[in-house]
PDB file of N, CA and C in Angstrom:
ATOM      1  N   MET A   1      16.327  16.299  -0.288  1.00  0.00           N
ATOM      2  CA  MET A   1      15.317  15.868  -1.240  1.00  0.00           C
ATOM      3  C   MET A   1      15.758  16.447  -2.666  1.00  0.00           C
ATOM      4  N   LEU A   2      15.819  15.510  -3.609  1.00  0.00           N
ATOM      5  CA  LEU A   2      16.247  15.670  -4.909  1.00  0.00           C
ATOM      6  C   LEU A   2      15.180  16.833  -5.626  1.00  0.00           C
ATOM      7  N   GLY A   3      15.847  17.902  -5.955  1.00  0.00           N
ATOM      8  CA  GLY A   3      14.959  18.874  -6.883  1.00  0.00           C
ATOM      9  C   GLY A   3      14.823  20.101  -5.892  1.00  0.00           C
ATOM     10  N   CYS A   4      14.774  20.123  -4.581  1.00  0.00           N
ATOM     11  CA  CYS A   4      14.514  21.142  -3.855  1.00  0.00           C
ATOM     12  C   CYS A   4      15.395  22.116  -3.540  1.00  0.00           C
ATOM     13  N   LYS A   5      15.510  23.274  -3.607  1.00  0.00           N
ATOM     14  CA  LYS A   5      16.804  24.020  -3.353  1.00  0.00           C
ATOM     15  C   LYS A   5      16.463  25.078  -1.970  1.00  0.00           C
ATOM     16  N   THR A   6      15.277  24.849  -1.492  1.00  0.00           N
ATOM     17  CA  THR A   6      15.172  25.643  -0.426  1.00  0.00           C
ATOM     18  C   THR A   6      14.333  24.719   0.737  1.00  0.00           C
ATOM     19  N   ARG A   7      14.296  25.368   2.218  1.00  0.00           N
ATOM     20  CA  ARG A   7      13.520  24.617   2.911  1.00  0.00           C
ATOM     21  C   ARG A   7      12.125  24.501   2.767  1.00  0.00           C
ATOM     22  N   ASP A   8      11.536  25.659   2.103  1.00  0.00           N
ATOM     23  CA  ASP A   8      10.197  25.716   1.880  1.00  0.00           C
ATOM     24  C   ASP A   8       9.573  24.602   0.781  1.00  0.00           C
ATOM     25  N   GLU A   9      10.683  24.356  -0.176  1.00  0.00           N
ATOM     26  CA  GLU A   9      10.406  23.611  -1.002  1.00  0.00           C
ATOM     27  C   GLU A   9      10.327  22.192  -0.337  1.00  0.00           C
ATOM     28  N   VAL A  10      11.315  21.906   0.396  1.00  0.00           N
ATOM     29  CA  VAL A  10      11.267  20.709   0.947  1.00  0.00           C
ATOM     30  C   VAL A  10       9.779  20.347   1.748  1.00  0.00           C
ATOM     31  N   LEU A  11       9.421  21.300   2.459  1.00  0.00           N
ATOM     32  CA  LEU A  11       8.262  21.103   3.312  1.00  0.00           C
ATOM     33  C   LEU A  11       6.947  21.132   2.278  1.00  0.00           C
ATOM     34  N   ASP A  12       7.147  21.583   1.170  1.00  0.00           N
ATOM     35  CA  ASP A  12       5.841  21.701   0.235  1.00  0.00           C
ATOM     36  C   ASP A  12       5.751  20.316  -0.333  1.00  0.00           C
ATOM     37  N   SER A  13       6.902  19.790  -0.423  1.00  0.00           N
ATOM     38  CA  SER A  13       7.160  18.283  -1.003  1.00  0.00           C
ATOM     39  C   SER A  13       6.629  17.374  -0.094  1.00  0.00           C
ATOM     40  N   VAL A  14       6.907  17.372   1.271  1.00  0.00           N
ATOM     41  CA  VAL A  14       6.642  16.576   2.230  1.00  0.00           C
ATOM     42  C   VAL A  14       5.232  16.449   2.314  1.00  0.00           C
ATOM     43  N   ARG A  15       4.418  17.664   2.248  1.00  0.00           N
ATOM     44  CA  ARG A  15       3.007  17.841   2.514  1.00  0.00           C
ATOM     45  C   ARG A  15       2.400  16.933   1.466  1.00  0.00           C
ATOM     46  N   TYR A  16       2.922  16.498   0.670  1.00  0.00           N
ATOM     47  CA  TYR A  16       2.389  15.497  -0.416  1.00  0.00           C
ATOM     48  C   TYR A  16       1.755  14.357   0.504  1.00  0.00           C
ATOM     49  N   LEU A  17       2.614  13.996   1.438  1.00  0.00           N
ATOM     50  CA  LEU A  17       2.333  12.781   2.295  1.00  0.00           C
ATOM     51  C   LEU A  17       1.109  12.801   2.955  1.00  0.00           C
ATOM     52  N   ASP A  18       0.689  13.870   3.200  1.00  0.00           N
ATOM     53  CA  ASP A  18      -0.383  13.883   4.048  1.00  0.00           C
ATOM     54  C   ASP A  18      -1.885  14.506   3.171  1.00  0.00           C
ATOM     55  N   MET A  19      -1.594  14.495   1.960  1.00  0.00           N
ATOM     56  CA  MET A  19      -2.842  14.939   1.165  1.00  0.00           C
ATOM     57  C   MET A  19      -3.757  13.510   0.973  1.00  0.00           C
ATOM     58  N   SER A  20      -4.983  14.121   0.757  1.00  0.00           N
ATOM     59  CA  SER A  20      -6.198  12.956   0.330  1.00  0.00           C
ATOM     60  C   SER A  20      -5.615  12.457  -0.848  1.00  0.00           C
ATOM     61  N   ASP A  21      -6.241  11.014  -1.257  1.00  0.00           N
ATOM     62  CA  ASP A  21      -5.994  10.479  -2.392  1.00  0.00           C
ATOM     63  C   ASP A  21      -6.574  11.490  -3.433  1.00  0.00           C
ATOM     64  N   SER A  22      -7.708  12.132  -3.339  1.00  0.00           N
ATOM     65  CA  SER A  22      -8.140  13.066  -4.460  1.00  0.00           C
ATOM     66  C   SER A  22      -7.199  14.325  -4.685  1.00  0.00           C
ATOM     67  N   GLU A  23      -6.453  14.793  -3.698  1.00  0.00           N
ATOM     68  CA  GLU A  23      -5.764  15.744  -3.954  1.00  0.00           C
ATOM     69  C   GLU A  23      -4.202  15.176  -4.604  1.00  0.00           C
ATOM     70  N   ARG A  24      -4.076  13.880  -4.376  1.00  0.00           N
ATOM     71  CA  ARG A  24      -2.883  13.510  -5.120  1.00  0.00           C
ATOM     72  C   ARG A  24      -3.217  13.065  -6.271  1.00  0.00           C
ATOM     73  N   ASP A  25      -4.449  12.929  -6.873  1.00  0.00           N
ATOM     74  CA  ASP A  25      -4.730  12.569  -8.077  1.00  0.00           C
ATOM     75  C   ASP A  25      -4.537  13.739  -9.459  1.00  0.00           C
ATOM     76  N   TYR A  26      -3.620  13.509 -10.122  1.00  0.00           N
ATOM     77  CA  TYR A  26      -3.140  14.246 -11.141  1.00  0.00           C
ATOM     78  C   TYR A  26      -3.732  13.843 -12.525  1.00  0.00           C
ATOM     79  N   THR A  27      -4.629  13.240 -12.456  1.00  0.00           N
ATOM     80  CA  THR A  27      -5.389  12.321 -13.672  1.00  0.00           C
ATOM     81  C   THR A  27      -5.754  13.876 -14.880  1.00  0.00           C
ATOM     82  N   SER A  28      -6.297  14.772 -14.060  1.00  0.00           N
ATOM     83  CA  SER A  28      -6.974  16.113 -14.664  1.00  0.00           C
ATOM     84  C   SER A  28      -5.831  16.824 -15.349  1.00  0.00           C
ATOM     85  N   VAL A  29      -4.738  16.796 -14.752  1.00  0.00           N
ATOM     86  CA  VAL A  29      -3.295  17.754 -15.342  1.00  0.00           C
ATOM     87  C   VAL A  29      -2.800  16.661 -16.461  1.00  0.00           C
ATOM     88  N   LEU A  30      -2.808  15.368 -16.343  1.00  0.00           N
ATOM     89  CA  LEU A  30      -2.415  14.285 -17.404  1.00  0.00           C
ATOM     90  C   LEU A  30      -3.190  14.534 -18.481  1.00  0.00           C
ATOM     91  N   GLY A  31      -4.275  14.663 -18.282  1.00  0.00           N
ATOM     92  CA  GLY A  31      -5.369  14.587 -19.603  1.00  0.00           C
ATOM     93  C   GLY A  31      -5.250  15.757 -20.569  1.00  0.00           C
ATOM     94  N   THR A  32      -4.405  16.780 -19.988  1.00  0.00           N
ATOM     95  CA  THR A  32      -4.496  18.135 -20.835  1.00  0.00           C
ATOM     96  C   THR A  32      -3.062  17.881 -21.492  1.00  0.00           C
ATOM     97  N   LEU A  33      -2.443  16.829 -21.411  1.00  0.00           N
ATOM     98  CA  LEU A  33      -0.865  16.637 -22.398  1.00  0.00           C
ATOM     99  C   LEU A  33      -1.551  16.334 -23.531  1.00  0.00           C
ATOM    100  N   ARG A  34      -0.863  16.519 -24.647  1.00  0.00           N
ATOM    101  CA  ARG A  34      -0.905  16.220 -26.077  1.00  0.00           C
ATOM    102  C   ARG A  34      -1.131  14.577 -26.141  1.00  0.00           C
ATOM    103  N   ASN A  35      -1.830  14.213 -26.959  1.00  0.00           N
ATOM    104  CA  ASN A  35      -1.943  12.814 -27.181  1.00  0.00           C
ATOM    105  C   ASN A  35      -0.864  11.842 -27.627  1.00  0.00           C
ATOM    106  N   ASP A  36       0.531  12.458 -27.402  1.00  0.00           N
ATOM    107  CA  ASP A  36       1.787  11.884 -27.820  1.00  0.00           C
ATOM    108  C   ASP A  36       1.949  10.575 -27.060  1.00  0.00           C
ATOM    109  N   PHE A  37       1.428  10.524 -25.678  1.00  0.00           N
ATOM    110  CA  PHE A  37       1.690   9.483 -25.002  1.00  0.00           C
ATOM    111  C   PHE A  37       0.403   8.404 -25.106  1.00  0.00           C
ATOM    112  N   ARG A  38      -0.641   8.450 -25.733  1.00  0.00           N
ATOM    113  CA  ARG A  38      -1.716   7.584 -25.750  1.00  0.00           C
ATOM    114  C   ARG A  38      -1.262   6.299 -26.061  1.00  0.00           C
ATOM    115  N   GLY A  39      -1.561   5.331 -25.499  1.00  0.00           N
ATOM    116  CA  GLY A  39      -1.029   3.955 -25.725  1.00  0.00           C
ATOM    117  C   GLY A  39       0.227   3.918 -25.195  1.00  0.00           C
ATOM    118  N   ASN A  40       0.996   4.482 -24.664  1.00  0.00           N
ATOM    119  CA  ASN A  40       2.411   4.441 -24.385  1.00  0.00           C
ATOM    120  C   ASN A  40       2.542   4.571 -22.647  1.00  0.00           C
ATOM    121  N   CYS A  41       3.087   3.514 -21.950  1.00  0.00           N
ATOM    122  CA  CYS A  41       3.159   3.666 -20.603  1.00  0.00           C
ATOM    123  C   CYS A  41       4.345   4.676 -20.158  1.00  0.00           C
ATOM    124  N   VAL A  42       3.952   5.619 -19.283  1.00  0.00           N
ATOM    125  CA  VAL A  42       5.078   6.468 -18.996  1.00  0.00           C
ATOM    126  C   VAL A  42       5.272   6.245 -17.333  1.00  0.00           C
ATOM    127  N   TYR A  43       4.982   5.024 -16.902  1.00  0.00           N
ATOM    128  CA  TYR A  43       5.572   4.603 -15.591  1.00  0.00           C
ATOM    129  C   TYR A  43       4.869   5.399 -14.443  1.00  0.00           C
ATOM    130  N   CYS A  44       3.760   5.991 -14.624  1.00  0.00           N
ATOM    131  CA  CYS A  44       3.105   6.938 -13.527  1.00  0.00           C
ATOM    132  C   CYS A  44       2.912   6.076 -12.270  1.00  0.00           C
ATOM    133  N   ASN A  45       2.348   4.728 -12.643  1.00  0.00           N
ATOM    134  CA  ASN A  45       1.820   3.967 -11.200  1.00  0.00           C
ATOM    135  C   ASN A  45       0.519   4.455 -11.313  1.00  0.00           C
ATOM    136  N   HIS A  46      -0.443   5.474 -12.002  1.00  0.00           N
ATOM    137  CA  HIS A  46      -1.846   5.461 -11.676  1.00  0.00           C
ATOM    138  C   HIS A  46      -2.611   4.232 -11.874  1.00  0.00           C
ATOM    139  N   CYS A  47      -2.095   3.332 -12.690  1.00  0.00           N
ATOM    140  CA  CYS A  47      -2.802   1.736 -12.693  1.00  0.00           C
ATOM    141  C   CYS A  47      -2.681   1.014 -11.483  1.00  0.00           C
ATOM    142  N   GLN A  48      -1.985   1.409 -10.591  1.00  0.00           N
ATOM    143  CA  GLN A  48      -1.986   0.532  -9.322  1.00  0.00           C
ATOM    144  C   GLN A  48      -2.820   1.104  -8.345  1.00  0.00           C
ATOM    145  N   PRO A  49      -3.201  -0.003  -7.338  1.00  0.00           N
ATOM    146  CA  PRO A  49      -2.831  -1.204  -7.201  1.00  0.00           C
ATOM    147  C   PRO A  49      -3.282  -2.405  -7.930  1.00  0.00           C
ATOM    148  N   CYS A  50      -2.414  -3.349  -8.122  1.00  0.00           N
ATOM    149  CA  CYS A  50      -3.082  -4.564  -9.096  1.00  0.00           C
ATOM    150  C   CYS A  50      -3.339  -5.497  -7.955  1.00  0.00           C
ATOM    151  N   PRO A  51      -4.488  -6.220  -8.085  1.00  0.00           N
ATOM    152  CA  PRO A  51      -4.915  -7.023  -7.180  1.00  0.00           C
ATOM    153  C   PRO A  51      -4.180  -8.638  -7.237  1.00  0.00           C
ATOM    154  N   ASP A  52      -3.170  -8.525  -8.142  1.00  0.00           N
ATOM    155  CA  ASP A  52      -2.260  -9.588  -8.161  1.00  0.00           C
ATOM    156  C   ASP A  52      -1.002  -9.055  -7.641  1.00  0.00           C
ATOM    157  N   ASN A  53      -0.706  -7.929  -7.142  1.00  0.00           N
ATOM    158  CA  ASN A  53       0.563  -7.472  -6.852  1.00  0.00           C
ATOM    159  C   ASN A  53       1.741  -7.602  -7.923  1.00  0.00           C
ATOM    160  N   ILE A  54       1.348  -7.111  -9.392  1.00  0.00           N
ATOM    161  CA  ILE A  54       2.377  -6.995 -10.061  1.00  0.00           C
ATOM    162  C   ILE A  54       2.504  -5.458 -10.161  1.00  0.00           C
ATOM    163  N   ASP A  55       3.900  -5.451 -10.453  1.00  0.00           N
ATOM    164  CA  ASP A  55       4.493  -3.864 -10.598  1.00  0.00           C
ATOM    165  C   ASP A  55       4.333  -3.733 -12.115  1.00  0.00           C
ATOM    166  N   ILE A  56       3.093  -3.133 -12.362  1.00  0.00           N
ATOM    167  CA  ILE A  56       2.670  -3.083 -13.704  1.00  0.00           C
ATOM    168  C   ILE A  56       3.619  -2.083 -14.685  1.00  0.00           C
ATOM    169  N   ALA A  57       4.017  -0.945 -13.887  1.00  0.00           N
ATOM    170  CA  ALA A  57       5.017  -0.073 -14.537  1.00  0.00           C
ATOM    171  C   ALA A  57       6.470  -0.742 -14.682  1.00  0.00           C
ATOM    172  N   ALA A  58       6.842  -1.630 -13.756  1.00  0.00           N
ATOM    173  CA  ALA A  58       8.143  -2.141 -14.067  1.00  0.00           C
ATOM    174  C   ALA A  58       8.041  -3.259 -15.195  1.00  0.00           C
ATOM    175  N   VAL A  59       7.036  -4.238 -15.465  1.00  0.00           N
ATOM    176  CA  VAL A  59       6.989  -5.188 -16.431  1.00  0.00           C
ATOM    177  C   VAL A  59       6.892  -4.367 -17.781  1.00  0.00           C
ATOM    178  N   ASN A  60       5.926  -3.058 -17.717  1.00  0.00           N
ATOM    179  CA  ASN A  60       5.838  -2.140 -19.038  1.00  0.00           C
ATOM    180  C   ASN A  60       7.273  -1.600 -19.286  1.00  0.00           C
ATOM    181  N   LYS A  61       8.107  -1.301 -18.497  1.00  0.00           N
ATOM    182  CA  LYS A  61       9.383  -0.535 -18.595  1.00  0.00           C
ATOM    183  C   LYS A  61      10.164  -1.873 -19.251  1.00  0.00           C
ATOM    184  N   TYR A  62      10.217  -3.004 -18.642  1.00  0.00           N
ATOM    185  CA  TYR A  62      10.864  -3.979 -19.386  1.00  0.00           C
ATOM    186  C   TYR A  62      10.535  -4.568 -20.611  1.00  0.00           C
ATOM    187  N   LEU A  63       9.415  -4.653 -20.719  1.00  0.00           N
ATOM    188  CA  LEU A  63       8.648  -5.007 -22.048  1.00  0.00           C
ATOM    189  C   LEU A  63       9.089  -3.839 -23.044  1.00  0.00           C
ATOM    190  N   ASP A  64       9.103  -2.607 -22.524  1.00  0.00           N
ATOM    191  CA  ASP A  64       9.636  -1.489 -23.924  1.00  0.00           C
ATOM    192  C   ASP A  64      10.729  -1.766 -24.009  1.00  0.00           C
ATOM    193  N   ILE A  65      11.824  -2.067 -23.336  1.00  0.00           N
ATOM    194  CA  ILE A  65      13.200  -2.512 -23.578  1.00  0.00           C
ATOM    195  C   ILE A  65      13.638  -3.599 -24.394  1.00  0.00           C
ATOM    196  N   ALA A  66      12.498  -4.567 -23.920  1.00  0.00           N
ATOM    197  CA  ALA A  66      12.559  -5.883 -24.893  1.00  0.00           C
ATOM    198  C   ALA A  66      12.249  -5.776 -26.392  1.00  0.00           C
ATOM    199  N   ARG A  67      11.129  -4.856 -26.484  1.00  0.00           N
ATOM    200  CA  ARG A  67      10.565  -4.681 -27.943  1.00  0.00           C
ATOM    201  C   ARG A  67      11.547  -3.739 -28.701  1.00  0.00           C
ATOM    202  N   LEU A  68      12.712  -3.261 -28.062  1.00  0.00           N
ATOM    203  CA  LEU A  68      13.595  -2.650 -29.049  1.00  0.00           C
ATOM    204  C   LEU A  68      14.284  -3.679 -29.850  1.00  0.00           C
ATOM    205  N   ASP A  69      14.457  -4.835 -29.322  1.00  0.00           N
ATOM    206  CA  ASP A  69      15.136  -5.763 -30.156  1.00  0.00           C
ATOM    207  C   ASP A  69      14.806  -7.131 -29.483  1.00  0.00           C
ATOM    208  N   GLU A  70      13.668  -7.929 -29.695  1.00  0.00           N
ATOM    209  CA  GLU A  70      13.271  -8.936 -29.162  1.00  0.00           C
ATOM    210  C   GLU A  70      14.372 -10.054 -29.291  1.00  0.00           C
ATOM    211  N   GLU A  71      15.112 -10.197 -30.335  1.00  0.00           N
ATOM    212  CA  GLU A  71      16.104 -11.152 -30.588  1.00  0.00           C
ATOM    213  C   GLU A  71      17.251 -11.018 -29.697  1.00  0.00           C
ATOM    214  N   ASN A  72      17.655  -9.908 -29.241  1.00  0.00           N
ATOM    215  CA  ASN A  72      19.112  -9.404 -28.338  1.00  0.00           C
ATOM    216  C   ASN A  72      18.364  -8.611 -27.172  1.00  0.00           C
ATOM    217  N   ILE A  73      17.608  -9.239 -26.342  1.00  0.00           N
ATOM    218  CA  ILE A  73      17.057  -8.648 -24.947  1.00  0.00           C
ATOM    219  C   ILE A  73      18.331  -8.867 -23.853  1.00  0.00           C
ATOM    220  N   PRO A  74      18.984  -7.729 -23.290  1.00  0.00           N
ATOM    221  CA  PRO A  74      20.022  -7.511 -22.369  1.00  0.00           C
ATOM    222  C   PRO A  74      19.807  -8.618 -21.306  1.00  0.00           C
ATOM    223  N   PRO A  75      20.659  -9.382 -20.991  1.00  0.00           N
ATOM    224  CA  PRO A  75      20.744 -10.228 -19.690  1.00  0.00           C
ATOM    225  C   PRO A  75      20.274  -9.574 -18.700  1.00  0.00           C
ATOM    226  N   SER A  76      20.557  -8.471 -18.251  1.00  0.00           N
ATOM    227  CA  SER A  76      20.072  -7.544 -17.080  1.00  0.00           C
ATOM    228  C   SER A  76      18.777  -7.412 -17.087  1.00  0.00           C
ATOM    229  N   ILE A  77      18.009  -7.126 -18.273  1.00  0.00           N
ATOM    230  CA  ILE A  77      16.655  -6.840 -18.245  1.00  0.00           C
ATOM    231  C   ILE A  77      15.974  -8.049 -18.165  1.00  0.00           C
ATOM    232  N   ARG A  78      16.100  -9.234 -18.605  1.00  0.00           N
ATOM    233  CA  ARG A  78      15.673 -10.716 -18.220  1.00  0.00           C
ATOM    234  C   ARG A  78      15.922 -10.882 -16.663  1.00  0.00           C
ATOM    235  N   SER A  79      17.053 -10.525 -16.113  1.00  0.00           N
ATOM    236  CA  SER A  79      17.347 -10.968 -14.752  1.00  0.00           C
ATOM    237  C   SER A  79      16.297  -9.798 -13.938  1.00  0.00           C
ATOM    238  N   HIS A  80      16.254  -8.806 -14.139  1.00  0.00           N
ATOM    239  CA  HIS A  80      15.456  -7.895 -13.304  1.00  0.00           C
ATOM    240  C   HIS A  80      13.842  -8.190 -13.359  1.00  0.00           C
ATOM    241  N   TYR A  81      13.459  -8.581 -14.605  1.00  0.00           N
ATOM    242  CA  TYR A  81      12.160  -9.151 -14.858  1.00  0.00           C
ATOM    243  C   TYR A  81      11.874 -10.382 -14.067  1.00  0.00           C
ATOM    244  N   SER A  82      12.816 -11.184 -13.936  1.00  0.00           N
ATOM    245  CA  SER A  82      12.674 -12.540 -13.305  1.00  0.00           C
ATOM    246  C   SER A  82      12.851 -12.129 -11.850  1.00  0.00           C
ATOM    247  N   GLY A  83      13.294 -11.229 -11.234  1.00  0.00           N
ATOM    248  CA  GLY A  83      13.463 -10.748 -10.036  1.00  0.00           C
ATOM    249  C   GLY A  83      11.984 -10.049  -9.362  1.00  0.00           C
ATOM    250  N   LEU A  84      10.962 -10.064 -10.478  1.00  0.00           N
ATOM    251  CA  LEU A  84       9.767  -9.242 -10.135  1.00  0.00           C
ATOM    252  C   LEU A  84       9.097 -10.205  -9.183  1.00  0.00           C
ATOM    253  N   ALA A  85       8.048 -10.005  -8.311  1.00  0.00           N
ATOM    254  CA  ALA A  85       7.480 -10.874  -7.543  1.00  0.00           C
ATOM    255  C   ALA A  85       6.512 -11.747  -8.083  1.00  0.00           C
ATOM    256  N   ASN A  86       5.884 -10.721  -9.193  1.00  0.00           N
ATOM    257  CA  ASN A  86       4.693 -11.408 -10.165  1.00  0.00           C
ATOM    258  C   ASN A  86       5.091 -10.477 -11.420  1.00  0.00           C
ATOM    259  N   GLY A  87       5.329 -11.448 -12.502  1.00  0.00           N
ATOM    260  CA  GLY A  87       5.139 -10.942 -13.842  1.00  0.00           C
ATOM    261  C   GLY A  87       4.009 -11.066 -14.523  1.00  0.00           C
ATOM    262  N   GLY A  88       3.963 -10.637 -15.797  1.00  0.00           N
ATOM    263  CA  GLY A  88       2.865 -10.315 -16.588  1.00  0.00           C
ATOM    264  C   GLY A  88       1.775 -11.546 -16.796  1.00  0.00           C
ATOM    265  N   GLY A  89       2.397 -12.794 -16.417  1.00  0.00           N
ATOM    266  CA  GLY A  89       1.869 -14.190 -16.540  1.00  0.00           C
ATOM    267  C   GLY A  89       0.761 -14.260 -15.545  1.00  0.00           C
ATOM    268  N   ALA A  90       1.096 -13.473 -14.288  1.00  0.00           N
ATOM    269  CA  ALA A  90       0.064 -13.325 -13.160  1.00  0.00           C
ATOM    270  C   ALA A  90      -1.051 -12.614 -13.480  1.00  0.00           C
ATOM    271  N   CYS A  91      -1.419 -11.860 -14.493  1.00  0.00           N
ATOM    272  CA  CYS A  91      -2.675 -10.774 -14.555  1.00  0.00           C
ATOM    273  C   CYS A  91      -3.705 -11.870 -14.930  1.00  0.00           C
ATOM    274  N   ILE A  92      -4.694 -11.281 -14.154  1.00  0.00           N
ATOM    275  CA  ILE A  92      -6.134 -12.025 -14.421  1.00  0.00           C
ATOM    276  C   ILE A  92      -6.840 -11.421 -15.209  1.00  0.00           C
ATOM    277  N   SER A  93      -6.482 -10.301 -16.115  1.00  0.00           N
ATOM    278  CA  SER A  93      -7.280  -9.518 -17.149  1.00  0.00           C
ATOM    279  C   SER A  93      -8.380  -8.968 -16.316  1.00  0.00           C
ATOM    280  N   CYS A  94      -8.379  -8.398 -15.105  1.00  0.00           N
ATOM    281  CA  CYS A  94      -9.706  -7.928 -14.390  1.00  0.00           C
ATOM    282  C   CYS A  94      -9.687  -6.599 -15.110  1.00  0.00           C
ATOM    283  N   GLY A  95      -8.932  -5.715 -15.606  1.00  0.00           N
ATOM    284  CA  GLY A  95      -8.927  -4.568 -16.052  1.00  0.00           C
ATOM    285  C   GLY A  95      -9.157  -3.212 -15.064  1.00  0.00           C
ATOM    286  N   SER A  96      -9.087  -3.440 -13.966  1.00  0.00           N
ATOM    287  CA  SER A  96      -8.793  -2.300 -13.099  1.00  0.00           C
ATOM    288  C   SER A  96      -7.719  -1.394 -13.413  1.00  0.00           C
ATOM    289  N   CYS A  97      -6.753  -1.842 -13.794  1.00  0.00           N
ATOM    290  CA  CYS A  97      -5.615  -1.259 -14.065  1.00  0.00           C
ATOM    291  C   CYS A  97      -5.819  -0.449 -15.461  1.00  0.00           C
ATOM    292  N   GLU A  98      -6.668  -0.883 -16.331  1.00  0.00           N
ATOM    293  CA  GLU A  98      -6.732  -0.048 -17.507  1.00  0.00           C
ATOM    294  C   GLU A  98      -7.813   1.058 -17.366  1.00  0.00           C
ATOM    295  N   ASN A  99      -8.751   0.674 -16.374  1.00  0.00           N
ATOM    296  CA  ASN A  99      -9.960   1.844 -15.984  1.00  0.00           C
ATOM    297  C   ASN A  99      -9.145   3.070 -15.304  1.00  0.00           C
ATOM    298  N   ARG A 100      -7.759   2.848 -14.759  1.00  0.00           N
ATOM    299  CA  ARG A 100      -7.210   4.100 -14.123  1.00  0.00           C
ATOM    300  C   ARG A 100      -6.328   4.650 -14.828  1.00  0.00           C
ATOM    301  N   CYS A 101      -5.933   3.769 -15.916  1.00  0.00           N
ATOM    302  CA  CYS A 101      -4.505   4.481 -16.818  1.00  0.00           C
ATOM    303  C   CYS A 101      -5.253   5.724 -17.637  1.00  0.00           C
ATOM    304  N   PRO A 102      -4.576   7.113 -17.458  1.00  0.00           N
ATOM    305  CA  PRO A 102      -4.720   8.171 -18.082  1.00  0.00           C
ATOM    306  C   PRO A 102      -4.236   8.218 -19.538  1.00  0.00           C
ATOM    307  N   PHE A 103      -3.487   7.253 -19.843  1.00  0.00           N
ATOM    308  CA  PHE A 103      -3.069   7.365 -21.381  1.00  0.00           C
ATOM    309  C   PHE A 103      -3.319   5.865 -22.144  1.00  0.00           C
ATOM    310  N   ASP A 104      -4.540   5.609 -21.643  1.00  0.00           N
ATOM    311  CA  ASP A 104      -5.081   4.146 -22.442  1.00  0.00           C
ATOM    312  C   ASP A 104      -4.122   3.184 -22.868  1.00  0.00           C
ATOM    313  N   VAL A 105      -3.200   3.025 -22.071  1.00  0.00           N
ATOM    314  CA  VAL A 105      -2.219   1.889 -22.256  1.00  0.00           C
ATOM    315  C   VAL A 105      -2.841   0.629 -22.270  1.00  0.00           C
ATOM    316  N   PRO A 106      -2.791  -0.362 -23.433  1.00  0.00           N
ATOM    317  CA  PRO A 106      -3.499  -1.710 -23.223  1.00  0.00           C
ATOM    318  C   PRO A 106      -2.467  -2.578 -22.357  1.00  0.00           C
ATOM    319  N   ILE A 107      -2.646  -2.367 -21.075  1.00  0.00           N
ATOM    320  CA  ILE A 107      -1.972  -3.126 -20.245  1.00  0.00           C
ATOM    321  C   ILE A 107      -2.071  -4.736 -20.099  1.00  0.00           C
ATOM    322  N   ILE A 108      -3.530  -4.949 -20.276  1.00  0.00           N
ATOM    323  CA  ILE A 108      -3.750  -6.512 -20.394  1.00  0.00           C
ATOM    324  C   ILE A 108      -2.869  -7.039 -21.405  1.00  0.00           C
ATOM    325  N   ASP A 109      -2.830  -6.446 -22.675  1.00  0.00           N
ATOM    326  CA  ASP A 109      -1.984  -7.183 -23.779  1.00  0.00           C
ATOM    327  C   ASP A 109      -0.710  -7.152 -23.345  1.00  0.00           C
ATOM    328  N   ASN A 110      -0.117  -6.041 -22.680  1.00  0.00           N
ATOM    329  CA  ASN A 110       1.517  -5.805 -22.274  1.00  0.00           C
ATOM    330  C   ASN A 110       1.647  -6.876 -21.448  1.00  0.00           C
ATOM    331  N   MET A 111       0.933  -7.391 -20.546  1.00  0.00           N
ATOM    332  CA  MET A 111       1.284  -8.309 -19.656  1.00  0.00           C
ATOM    333  C   MET A 111       1.152  -9.639 -20.462  1.00  0.00           C
ATOM    334  N   ALA A 112       0.141  -9.658 -21.375  1.00  0.00           N
ATOM    335  CA  ALA A 112       0.532 -11.148 -21.955  1.00  0.00           C
ATOM    336  C   ALA A 112       1.707 -11.421 -22.725  1.00  0.00           C
ATOM    337  N   THR A 113       2.032 -10.208 -23.486  1.00  0.00           N
ATOM    338  CA  THR A 113       3.127 -10.151 -24.232  1.00  0.00           C
ATOM    339  C   THR A 113       4.477 -10.326 -23.578  1.00  0.00           C
ATOM    340  N   ALA A 114       4.383  -9.653 -22.501  1.00  0.00           N
ATOM    341  CA  ALA A 114       5.635  -9.507 -21.337  1.00  0.00           C
ATOM    342  C   ALA A 114       6.023 -11.162 -21.071  1.00  0.00           C
ATOM    343  N   ALA A 115       4.615 -11.792 -20.689  1.00  0.00           N
ATOM    344  CA  ALA A 115       4.901 -13.136 -20.197  1.00  0.00           C
ATOM    345  C   ALA A 115       5.115 -14.053 -21.417  1.00  0.00           C
ATOM    346  N   ARG A 116       4.857 -13.925 -22.646  1.00  0.00           N
ATOM    347  CA  ARG A 116       5.254 -14.369 -23.848  1.00  0.00           C
ATOM    348  C   ARG A 116       6.868 -14.483 -24.033  1.00  0.00           C
ATOM    349  N   ILE A 117       7.120 -13.169 -23.633  1.00  0.00           N
ATOM    350  CA  ILE A 117       8.714 -12.672 -24.142  1.00  0.00           C
ATOM    351  C   ILE A 117       9.685 -13.183 -22.768  1.00  0.00           C
ATOM    352  N   PHE A 118       9.150 -13.151 -21.691  1.00  0.00           N
ATOM    353  CA  PHE A 118       9.938 -13.216 -20.594  1.00  0.00           C
ATOM    354  C   PHE A 118       9.752 -14.647 -19.797  1.00  0.00           C
ATOM    355  N   GLU A 119       8.728 -15.073 -19.873  1.00  0.00           N
ATOM    356  CA  GLU A 119       8.455 -16.403 -19.009  1.00  0.00           C
ATOM    357  C   GLU A 119       8.534 -17.529 -19.626  1.00  0.00           C
TER     358      GLU A 119
END
């Protein structure tokens, strides 16, 4: 297991699989971070699950890369985006993702922007 140096560290990591949802919730820890990340996706997947099965973190990741230079989006990024089961255009704007995001990312807006750029 990546990052583990001892047997005990592996066992501690595997215990995560048996934890309850509340024990797995790191929102309180994330809330203590500086506000540098506010509005920016860190791909933590706290926004999941999406009722439309959008991989929100992946869409945001490809969108972030595309925003670096919208005129010259790498073909590999377009290919990865098109390989997603559902892109930003599938978003129904229900807001459940935004309610769970500890970084106040404008996910609904990002999904619309991704659809405009990639679809």
